[in-house]
């Protein structure tokens, strides 16, 4: 029998949730508001929240100074490309670990996860030299390769968790009906794990979209994504907060819209298998 939730408890939990939500969202809101201020209003003390002279000159200057569409297309190609390649590699790997485990499976999973604990700067010099010698510096291909390898442990771990919730008897039944290994993965396993795969896809697109360290160090102009677009408004002369906020708003808007429209699918995937 479910325990009755009192009205007081609902109010307290709702208030806490709203407070946390506002605290998390406030930096984004402040960035959005600052993008419509002049540089003088952006650094005014005390800060001006709503009552200031609204202007769109920052967006106009950002558009005239930088090629936003070029940076945007680089971000789309790099984030979606690295995530799709990661899924192609990770789905068979997660299947093997979930349904044909060995005594070393857990060790392999922990080793993959441990690679995320290494500071990226520790691998910067060798990767930079490899890319320089192979002509991959400032190329979309190079960034796709790096981001695929960086996010692959997360993709494998997430898919492994989802696949473990699928009854193995279903796959055994498919084998008894004559399904090959490829058909078992493509026509039986993948459709059953669509919520988990979709949430993995969305989460890793967001991670690749927001990646700054590698994109700033391995690109210059040709393959520079939106993270480099934002960084270009930090100069030795100082920070131009209003223009930086306008560039940041333009950079995060696409991924915010994607997250907003796919939030149900994301939550469904992240809770996949949580309720028996």
C-alpha atoms as a PDB file:
ATOM      1  CA  UNK A   1       0.000   0.000   0.000  1.00  0.00           C
ATOM      2  CA  UNK A   2       1.430   3.357  -1.044  1.00  0.00           C
ATOM      3  CA  UNK A   3       2.137   5.847   1.706  1.00  0.00           C
ATOM      4  CA  UNK A   4      -0.110   8.915   1.637  1.00  0.00           C
ATOM      5  CA  UNK A   5       1.698  12.145   0.830  1.00  0.00           C
ATOM      6  CA  UNK A   6       0.518  15.103   2.891  1.00  0.00           C
ATOM      7  CA  UNK A   7      -0.250  18.503   1.401  1.00  0.00           C
ATOM      8  CA  UNK A   8       2.492  20.083   3.505  1.00  0.00           C
ATOM      9  CA  UNK A   9       5.069  17.662   2.103  1.00  0.00           C
ATOM     10  CA  UNK A  10       3.935  18.389  -1.470  1.00  0.00           C
ATOM     11  CA  UNK A  11       4.273  22.139  -0.898  1.00  0.00           C
ATOM     12  CA  UNK A  12       7.756  21.789   0.614  1.00  0.00           C
ATOM     13  CA  UNK A  13       9.008  19.485  -2.149  1.00  0.00           C
ATOM     14  CA  UNK A  14       7.510  21.757  -4.841  1.00  0.00           C
ATOM     15  CA  UNK A  15       9.120  24.849  -3.290  1.00  0.00           C
ATOM     16  CA  UNK A  16      12.518  23.139  -3.101  1.00  0.00           C
ATOM     17  CA  UNK A  17      12.225  21.949  -6.712  1.00  0.00           C
ATOM     18  CA  UNK A  18      11.301  25.435  -7.964  1.00  0.00           C
ATOM     19  CA  UNK A  19      14.135  27.013  -5.959  1.00  0.00           C
ATOM     20  CA  UNK A  20      16.698  24.596  -7.399  1.00  0.00           C
ATOM     21  CA  UNK A  21      15.283  25.068 -10.895  1.00  0.00           C
ATOM     22  CA  UNK A  22      15.524  28.867 -10.647  1.00  0.00           C
ATOM     23  CA  UNK A  23      19.077  28.703  -9.290  1.00  0.00           C
ATOM     24  CA  UNK A  24      20.141  26.419 -12.142  1.00  0.00           C
ATOM     25  CA  UNK A  25      18.386  28.476 -14.826  1.00  0.00           C
ATOM     26  CA  UNK A  26      19.346  31.934 -13.506  1.00  0.00           C
ATOM     27  CA  UNK A  27      22.835  32.100 -15.153  1.00  0.00           C
ATOM     28  CA  UNK A  28      21.211  31.390 -18.530  1.00  0.00           C
ATOM     29  CA  UNK A  29      18.556  34.036 -17.909  1.00  0.00           C
ATOM     30  CA  UNK A  30      21.191  36.577 -16.834  1.00  0.00           C
ATOM     31  CA  UNK A  31      23.266  35.858 -19.943  1.00  0.00           C
ATOM     32  CA  UNK A  32      20.166  36.353 -22.103  1.00  0.00           C
ATOM     33  CA  UNK A  33      19.320  39.683 -20.427  1.00  0.00           C
ATOM     34  CA  UNK A  34      22.913  40.919 -20.605  1.00  0.00           C
ATOM     35  CA  UNK A  35      22.965  40.269 -24.340  1.00  0.00           C
ATOM     36  CA  UNK A  36      20.394  43.075 -24.756  1.00  0.00           C
ATOM     37  CA  UNK A  37      22.376  45.614 -22.685  1.00  0.00           C
ATOM     38  CA  UNK A  38      24.975  48.114 -23.728  1.00  0.00           C
ATOM     39  CA  UNK A  39      28.502  47.500 -22.497  1.00  0.00           C
ATOM     40  CA  UNK A  40      28.028  50.240 -19.886  1.00  0.00           C
ATOM     41  CA  UNK A  41      24.813  48.663 -18.567  1.00  0.00           C
ATOM     42  CA  UNK A  42      26.434  45.222 -18.557  1.00  0.00           C
ATOM     43  CA  UNK A  43      29.025  46.303 -15.994  1.00  0.00           C
ATOM     44  CA  UNK A  44      26.794  48.719 -14.080  1.00  0.00           C
ATOM     45  CA  UNK A  45      26.826  48.553 -10.275  1.00  0.00           C
ATOM     46  CA  UNK A  46      24.412  47.676  -8.835  1.00  0.00           C
ATOM     47  CA  UNK A  47      23.393  45.312 -11.643  1.00  0.00           C
ATOM     48  CA  UNK A  48      20.316  46.229 -13.671  1.00  0.00           C
ATOM     49  CA  UNK A  49      17.916  43.332 -14.012  1.00  0.00           C
ATOM     50  CA  UNK A  50      15.028  44.459 -16.240  1.00  0.00           C
ATOM     51  CA  UNK A  51      15.007  48.257 -16.164  1.00  0.00           C
ATOM     52  CA  UNK A  52      17.677  49.198 -18.683  1.00  0.00           C
ATOM     53  CA  UNK A  53      17.842  50.384 -22.265  1.00  0.00           C
ATOM     54  CA  UNK A  54      17.180  47.290 -24.380  1.00  0.00           C
ATOM     55  CA  UNK A  55      19.197  47.071 -27.584  1.00  0.00           C
ATOM     56  CA  UNK A  56      19.968  44.487 -30.260  1.00  0.00           C
ATOM     57  CA  UNK A  57      23.221  46.122 -31.359  1.00  0.00           C
ATOM     58  CA  UNK A  58      25.265  43.320 -29.767  1.00  0.00           C
ATOM     59  CA  UNK A  59      23.620  40.697 -31.996  1.00  0.00           C
ATOM     60  CA  UNK A  60      24.132  42.890 -35.048  1.00  0.00           C
ATOM     61  CA  UNK A  61      27.817  43.351 -34.246  1.00  0.00           C
ATOM     62  CA  UNK A  62      28.325  39.658 -33.523  1.00  0.00           C
ATOM     63  CA  UNK A  63      26.730  38.795 -36.857  1.00  0.00           C
ATOM     64  CA  UNK A  64      28.869  41.299 -38.742  1.00  0.00           C
ATOM     65  CA  UNK A  65      32.095  40.278 -36.997  1.00  0.00           C
ATOM     66  CA  UNK A  66      31.733  36.487 -37.129  1.00  0.00           C
ATOM     67  CA  UNK A  67      30.295  33.918 -39.498  1.00  0.00           C
ATOM     68  CA  UNK A  68      27.757  32.382 -37.126  1.00  0.00           C
ATOM     69  CA  UNK A  69      26.342  29.887 -39.632  1.00  0.00           C
ATOM     70  CA  UNK A  70      29.786  28.457 -40.332  1.00  0.00           C
ATOM     71  CA  UNK A  71      30.451  27.886 -36.622  1.00  0.00           C
ATOM     72  CA  UNK A  72      26.929  26.504 -36.195  1.00  0.00           C
ATOM     73  CA  UNK A  73      27.347  23.971 -39.006  1.00  0.00           C
ATOM     74  CA  UNK A  74      30.700  22.886 -37.557  1.00  0.00           C
ATOM     75  CA  UNK A  75      29.041  22.271 -34.191  1.00  0.00           C
ATOM     76  CA  UNK A  76      26.194  20.299 -35.786  1.00  0.00           C
ATOM     77  CA  UNK A  77      28.505  18.105 -37.865  1.00  0.00           C
ATOM     78  CA  UNK A  78      30.980  17.510 -35.031  1.00  0.00           C
ATOM     79  CA  UNK A  79      28.432  16.781 -32.284  1.00  0.00           C
ATOM     80  CA  UNK A  80      26.031  14.652 -34.350  1.00  0.00           C
ATOM     81  CA  UNK A  81      28.828  12.917 -36.259  1.00  0.00           C
ATOM     82  CA  UNK A  82      30.819  11.943 -33.163  1.00  0.00           C
ATOM     83  CA  UNK A  83      27.677  10.734 -31.373  1.00  0.00           C
ATOM     84  CA  UNK A  84      26.428   8.601 -34.285  1.00  0.00           C
ATOM     85  CA  UNK A  85      29.844   6.983 -34.793  1.00  0.00           C
ATOM     86  CA  UNK A  86      30.041   6.394 -31.037  1.00  0.00           C
ATOM     87  CA  UNK A  87      26.648   4.647 -31.100  1.00  0.00           C
ATOM     88  CA  UNK A  88      27.680   2.430 -34.027  1.00  0.00           C
ATOM     89  CA  UNK A  89      30.723   1.293 -32.029  1.00  0.00           C
ATOM     90  CA  UNK A  90      29.058   1.181 -28.601  1.00  0.00           C
ATOM     91  CA  UNK A  91      25.876  -0.793 -29.391  1.00  0.00           C
ATOM     92  CA  UNK A  92      27.736  -4.039 -30.306  1.00  0.00           C
ATOM     93  CA  UNK A  93      30.203  -3.478 -27.451  1.00  0.00           C
ATOM     94  CA  UNK A  94      27.418  -2.970 -24.895  1.00  0.00           C
ATOM     95  CA  UNK A  95      25.553  -6.003 -26.284  1.00  0.00           C
ATOM     96  CA  UNK A  96      28.634  -8.194 -25.802  1.00  0.00           C
ATOM     97  CA  UNK A  97      29.161  -6.980 -22.236  1.00  0.00           C
ATOM     98  CA  UNK A  98      25.492  -7.280 -21.281  1.00  0.00           C
ATOM     99  CA  UNK A  99      24.610 -10.628 -22.856  1.00  0.00           C
ATOM    100  CA  UNK A 100      27.957 -12.413 -23.285  1.00  0.00           C
ATOM    101  CA  UNK A 101      29.972 -11.260 -20.268  1.00  0.00           C
ATOM    102  CA  UNK A 102      33.326 -12.723 -19.295  1.00  0.00           C
ATOM    103  CA  UNK A 103      35.184 -12.566 -16.009  1.00  0.00           C
ATOM    104  CA  UNK A 104      36.987  -9.461 -17.322  1.00  0.00           C
ATOM    105  CA  UNK A 105      33.859  -7.537 -18.352  1.00  0.00           C
ATOM    106  CA  UNK A 106      33.591  -5.504 -15.152  1.00  0.00           C
ATOM    107  CA  UNK A 107      37.307  -4.746 -15.283  1.00  0.00           C
ATOM    108  CA  UNK A 108      36.972  -3.472 -18.840  1.00  0.00           C
ATOM    109  CA  UNK A 109      34.002  -1.288 -17.888  1.00  0.00           C
ATOM    110  CA  UNK A 110      35.887   0.183 -14.942  1.00  0.00           C
ATOM    111  CA  UNK A 111      38.957   0.785 -17.113  1.00  0.00           C
ATOM    112  CA  UNK A 112      36.813   2.613 -19.687  1.00  0.00           C
ATOM    113  CA  UNK A 113      35.281   4.755 -16.957  1.00  0.00           C
ATOM    114  CA  UNK A 114      38.705   5.477 -15.444  1.00  0.00           C
ATOM    115  CA  UNK A 115      39.816   7.126 -18.703  1.00  0.00           C
ATOM    116  CA  UNK A 116      37.304   9.905 -17.974  1.00  0.00           C
ATOM    117  CA  UNK A 117      39.162  10.665 -14.734  1.00  0.00           C
ATOM    118  CA  UNK A 118      42.369  11.683 -16.498  1.00  0.00           C
ATOM    119  CA  UNK A 119      42.746  15.460 -16.989  1.00  0.00           C
ATOM    120  CA  UNK A 120      42.406  16.224 -20.725  1.00  0.00           C
ATOM    121  CA  UNK A 121      45.529  18.396 -20.633  1.00  0.00           C
ATOM    122  CA  UNK A 122      47.539  15.254 -19.844  1.00  0.00           C
ATOM    123  CA  UNK A 123      46.813  13.927 -23.340  1.00  0.00           C
ATOM    124  CA  UNK A 124      46.879  17.255 -25.190  1.00  0.00           C
ATOM    125  CA  UNK A 125      50.506  17.262 -26.376  1.00  0.00           C
ATOM    126  CA  UNK A 126      50.604  13.725 -27.846  1.00  0.00           C
ATOM    127  CA  UNK A 127      47.215  14.154 -29.517  1.00  0.00           C
ATOM    128  CA  UNK A 128      48.228  17.575 -30.863  1.00  0.00           C
ATOM    129  CA  UNK A 129      51.439  16.131 -32.337  1.00  0.00           C
ATOM    130  CA  UNK A 130      49.563  13.173 -33.852  1.00  0.00           C
ATOM    131  CA  UNK A 131      47.035  15.519 -35.433  1.00  0.00           C
ATOM    132  CA  UNK A 132      49.738  17.872 -36.702  1.00  0.00           C
ATOM    133  CA  UNK A 133      51.692  15.051 -38.332  1.00  0.00           C
ATOM    134  CA  UNK A 134      48.579  13.483 -39.890  1.00  0.00           C
ATOM    135  CA  UNK A 135      47.046  16.738 -41.122  1.00  0.00           C
ATOM    136  CA  UNK A 136      44.000  16.610 -38.850  1.00  0.00           C
ATOM    137  CA  UNK A 137      44.508  19.941 -37.093  1.00  0.00           C
ATOM    138  CA  UNK A 138      41.627  22.374 -37.656  1.00  0.00           C
ATOM    139  CA  UNK A 139      39.502  19.755 -39.425  1.00  0.00           C
ATOM    140  CA  UNK A 140      36.020  18.464 -38.675  1.00  0.00           C
ATOM    141  CA  UNK A 141      37.283  14.908 -39.119  1.00  0.00           C
ATOM    142  CA  UNK A 142      39.863  15.353 -36.383  1.00  0.00           C
ATOM    143  CA  UNK A 143      37.350  16.766 -33.912  1.00  0.00           C
ATOM    144  CA  UNK A 144      34.842  14.007 -34.700  1.00  0.00           C
ATOM    145  CA  UNK A 145      37.516  11.401 -33.937  1.00  0.00           C
ATOM    146  CA  UNK A 146      38.536  13.055 -30.658  1.00  0.00           C
ATOM    147  CA  UNK A 147      34.999  13.621 -29.390  1.00  0.00           C
ATOM    148  CA  UNK A 148      33.989  10.089 -30.361  1.00  0.00           C
ATOM    149  CA  UNK A 149      36.828   8.646 -28.281  1.00  0.00           C
ATOM    150  CA  UNK A 150      36.185  11.045 -25.385  1.00  0.00           C
ATOM    151  CA  UNK A 151      32.472  10.228 -25.088  1.00  0.00           C
ATOM    152  CA  UNK A 152      32.674   6.537 -26.035  1.00  0.00           C
ATOM    153  CA  UNK A 153      33.057   5.316 -22.404  1.00  0.00           C
ATOM    154  CA  UNK A 154      29.897   7.186 -21.395  1.00  0.00           C
ATOM    155  CA  UNK A 155      27.955   5.835 -24.377  1.00  0.00           C
ATOM    156  CA  UNK A 156      29.034   2.242 -23.653  1.00  0.00           C
ATOM    157  CA  UNK A 157      28.218   2.546 -19.947  1.00  0.00           C
ATOM    158  CA  UNK A 158      24.765   3.998 -20.581  1.00  0.00           C
ATOM    159  CA  UNK A 159      23.860   1.425 -23.235  1.00  0.00           C
ATOM    160  CA  UNK A 160      25.219  -1.406 -21.081  1.00  0.00           C
ATOM    161  CA  UNK A 161      22.924  -0.291 -18.246  1.00  0.00           C
ATOM    162  CA  UNK A 162      19.904  -0.182 -20.554  1.00  0.00           C
ATOM    163  CA  UNK A 163      20.664  -3.523 -22.219  1.00  0.00           C
ATOM    164  CA  UNK A 164      20.976  -5.240 -18.839  1.00  0.00           C
ATOM    165  CA  UNK A 165      17.293  -4.460 -18.243  1.00  0.00           C
ATOM    166  CA  UNK A 166      16.221  -6.384 -21.371  1.00  0.00           C
ATOM    167  CA  UNK A 167      15.381 -10.056 -20.706  1.00  0.00           C
ATOM    168  CA  UNK A 168      17.949 -12.328 -22.308  1.00  0.00           C
ATOM    169  CA  UNK A 169      15.227 -14.890 -23.062  1.00  0.00           C
ATOM    170  CA  UNK A 170      13.894 -12.647 -25.840  1.00  0.00           C
ATOM    171  CA  UNK A 171      17.237 -12.701 -27.621  1.00  0.00           C
ATOM    172  CA  UNK A 172      17.506 -16.455 -27.112  1.00  0.00           C
ATOM    173  CA  UNK A 173      14.084 -16.860 -28.727  1.00  0.00           C
ATOM    174  CA  UNK A 174      15.277 -14.824 -31.701  1.00  0.00           C
ATOM    175  CA  UNK A 175      18.326 -17.105 -32.040  1.00  0.00           C
ATOM    176  CA  UNK A 176      16.100 -20.188 -31.943  1.00  0.00           C
ATOM    177  CA  UNK A 177      14.073 -18.674 -34.790  1.00  0.00           C
ATOM    178  CA  UNK A 178      17.255 -18.480 -36.843  1.00  0.00           C
ATOM    179  CA  UNK A 179      18.210 -14.825 -36.367  1.00  0.00           C
ATOM    180  CA  UNK A 180      21.854 -14.057 -37.030  1.00  0.00           C
ATOM    181  CA  UNK A 181      23.905 -11.936 -34.640  1.00  0.00           C
ATOM    182  CA  UNK A 182      23.470  -8.838 -36.798  1.00  0.00           C
ATOM    183  CA  UNK A 183      19.695  -9.337 -37.082  1.00  0.00           C
ATOM    184  CA  UNK A 184      19.467  -9.970 -33.353  1.00  0.00           C
ATOM    185  CA  UNK A 185      21.119  -6.623 -32.605  1.00  0.00           C
ATOM    186  CA  UNK A 186      19.392  -4.596 -35.345  1.00  0.00           C
ATOM    187  CA  UNK A 187      15.846  -6.046 -35.347  1.00  0.00           C
ATOM    188  CA  UNK A 188      15.396  -7.301 -31.781  1.00  0.00           C
ATOM    189  CA  UNK A 189      17.707  -5.532 -29.327  1.00  0.00           C
ATOM    190  CA  UNK A 190      17.799  -2.023 -30.817  1.00  0.00           C
ATOM    191  CA  UNK A 191      13.992  -1.510 -31.109  1.00  0.00           C
ATOM    192  CA  UNK A 192      13.513  -2.653 -27.511  1.00  0.00           C
ATOM    193  CA  UNK A 193      16.162  -0.216 -26.265  1.00  0.00           C
ATOM    194  CA  UNK A 194      15.001   2.810 -28.285  1.00  0.00           C
ATOM    195  CA  UNK A 195      14.279   4.973 -25.186  1.00  0.00           C
ATOM    196  CA  UNK A 196      17.737   4.249 -23.764  1.00  0.00           C
ATOM    197  CA  UNK A 197      19.475   4.771 -27.103  1.00  0.00           C
ATOM    198  CA  UNK A 198      17.588   8.032 -27.669  1.00  0.00           C
ATOM    199  CA  UNK A 199      18.552   9.432 -24.255  1.00  0.00           C
ATOM    200  CA  UNK A 200      22.169   8.366 -24.829  1.00  0.00           C
ATOM    201  CA  UNK A 201      22.101  10.077 -28.221  1.00  0.00           C
ATOM    202  CA  UNK A 202      20.694  13.318 -26.815  1.00  0.00           C
ATOM    203  CA  UNK A 203      22.989  13.445 -23.786  1.00  0.00           C
ATOM    204  CA  UNK A 204      26.132  12.873 -25.827  1.00  0.00           C
ATOM    205  CA  UNK A 205      25.110  15.429 -28.455  1.00  0.00           C
ATOM    206  CA  UNK A 206      24.870  17.949 -25.595  1.00  0.00           C
ATOM    207  CA  UNK A 207      28.283  16.877 -24.241  1.00  0.00           C
ATOM    208  CA  UNK A 208      29.900  17.159 -27.677  1.00  0.00           C
ATOM    209  CA  UNK A 209      28.183  20.501 -28.368  1.00  0.00           C
ATOM    210  CA  UNK A 210      29.518  21.968 -25.115  1.00  0.00           C
ATOM    211  CA  UNK A 211      33.048  20.559 -25.390  1.00  0.00           C
ATOM    212  CA  UNK A 212      35.464  23.472 -25.220  1.00  0.00           C
ATOM    213  CA  UNK A 213      38.922  22.192 -24.277  1.00  0.00           C
ATOM    214  CA  UNK A 214      39.596  20.099 -27.378  1.00  0.00           C
ATOM    215  CA  UNK A 215      37.769  22.357 -29.808  1.00  0.00           C
ATOM    216  CA  UNK A 216      39.778  25.386 -28.695  1.00  0.00           C
ATOM    217  CA  UNK A 217      43.126  23.597 -28.789  1.00  0.00           C
ATOM    218  CA  UNK A 218      42.719  21.609 -32.011  1.00  0.00           C
ATOM    219  CA  UNK A 219      41.044  24.210 -34.229  1.00  0.00           C
ATOM    220  CA  UNK A 220      41.823  27.692 -35.508  1.00  0.00           C
ATOM    221  CA  UNK A 221      39.187  28.858 -37.965  1.00  0.00           C
ATOM    222  CA  UNK A 222      38.083  26.286 -40.561  1.00  0.00           C
ATOM    223  CA  UNK A 223      36.565  23.724 -38.176  1.00  0.00           C
ATOM    224  CA  UNK A 224      35.959  26.044 -35.221  1.00  0.00           C
ATOM    225  CA  UNK A 225      32.560  25.274 -33.603  1.00  0.00           C
ATOM    226  CA  UNK A 226      30.402  27.570 -31.462  1.00  0.00           C
ATOM    227  CA  UNK A 227      32.629  27.161 -28.401  1.00  0.00           C
ATOM    228  CA  UNK A 228      35.425  28.880 -30.343  1.00  0.00           C
ATOM    229  CA  UNK A 229      32.873  31.432 -31.557  1.00  0.00           C
ATOM    230  CA  UNK A 230      32.185  32.375 -27.914  1.00  0.00           C
ATOM    231  CA  UNK A 231      35.867  32.414 -26.949  1.00  0.00           C
ATOM    232  CA  UNK A 232      36.647  34.875 -29.747  1.00  0.00           C
ATOM    233  CA  UNK A 233      34.939  37.620 -27.712  1.00  0.00           C
ATOM    234  CA  UNK A 234      37.514  37.341 -24.937  1.00  0.00           C
ATOM    235  CA  UNK A 235      40.463  39.492 -25.947  1.00  0.00           C
ATOM    236  CA  UNK A 236      43.621  40.961 -24.356  1.00  0.00           C
ATOM    237  CA  UNK A 237      41.815  44.318 -24.271  1.00  0.00           C
ATOM    238  CA  UNK A 238      39.277  42.865 -21.852  1.00  0.00           C
ATOM    239  CA  UNK A 239      35.942  41.103 -21.708  1.00  0.00           C
ATOM    240  CA  UNK A 240      33.072  42.665 -23.629  1.00  0.00           C
ATOM    241  CA  UNK A 241      30.315  41.226 -21.491  1.00  0.00           C
ATOM    242  CA  UNK A 242      27.351  42.312 -23.616  1.00  0.00           C
ATOM    243  CA  UNK A 243      28.804  40.979 -26.857  1.00  0.00           C
ATOM    244  CA  UNK A 244      30.072  37.856 -25.096  1.00  0.00           C
ATOM    245  CA  UNK A 245      26.564  37.270 -23.738  1.00  0.00           C
ATOM    246  CA  UNK A 246      25.045  37.743 -27.191  1.00  0.00           C
ATOM    247  CA  UNK A 247      27.485  35.215 -28.664  1.00  0.00           C
ATOM    248  CA  UNK A 248      26.795  32.796 -25.796  1.00  0.00           C
ATOM    249  CA  UNK A 249      23.027  33.108 -26.259  1.00  0.00           C
ATOM    250  CA  UNK A 250      23.337  32.386 -29.975  1.00  0.00           C
ATOM    251  CA  UNK A 251      25.562  29.387 -29.223  1.00  0.00           C
ATOM    252  CA  UNK A 252      23.382  27.744 -26.558  1.00  0.00           C
ATOM    253  CA  UNK A 253      19.990  28.521 -28.121  1.00  0.00           C
ATOM    254  CA  UNK A 254      19.967  25.537 -30.552  1.00  0.00           C
ATOM    255  CA  UNK A 255      20.874  22.984 -27.884  1.00  0.00           C
ATOM    256  CA  UNK A 256      18.352  24.490 -25.432  1.00  0.00           C
ATOM    257  CA  UNK A 257      15.614  24.195 -28.038  1.00  0.00           C
ATOM    258  CA  UNK A 258      16.639  20.597 -28.784  1.00  0.00           C
ATOM    259  CA  UNK A 259      16.595  19.753 -25.078  1.00  0.00           C
ATOM    260  CA  UNK A 260      13.222  21.421 -24.561  1.00  0.00           C
ATOM    261  CA  UNK A 261      11.474  19.504 -27.351  1.00  0.00           C
ATOM    262  CA  UNK A 262      13.135  16.177 -26.469  1.00  0.00           C
ATOM    263  CA  UNK A 263      12.871  16.385 -22.674  1.00  0.00           C
ATOM    264  CA  UNK A 264      10.150  13.714 -22.457  1.00  0.00           C
ATOM    265  CA  UNK A 265      12.223  11.275 -24.473  1.00  0.00           C
ATOM    266  CA  UNK A 266      15.304  12.127 -22.430  1.00  0.00           C
ATOM    267  CA  UNK A 267      13.568  11.550 -19.089  1.00  0.00           C
ATOM    268  CA  UNK A 268      11.965   8.363 -20.389  1.00  0.00           C
ATOM    269  CA  UNK A 269      15.332   7.023 -21.461  1.00  0.00           C
ATOM    270  CA  UNK A 270      17.131   8.015 -18.262  1.00  0.00           C
ATOM    271  CA  UNK A 271      14.461   6.206 -16.210  1.00  0.00           C
ATOM    272  CA  UNK A 272      14.393   3.210 -18.560  1.00  0.00           C
ATOM    273  CA  UNK A 273      14.222   0.058 -16.456  1.00  0.00           C
ATOM    274  CA  UNK A 274      13.984   1.961 -13.176  1.00  0.00           C
ATOM    275  CA  UNK A 275      10.440   0.770 -12.466  1.00  0.00           C
ATOM    276  CA  UNK A 276       9.838  -2.954 -12.530  1.00  0.00           C
END
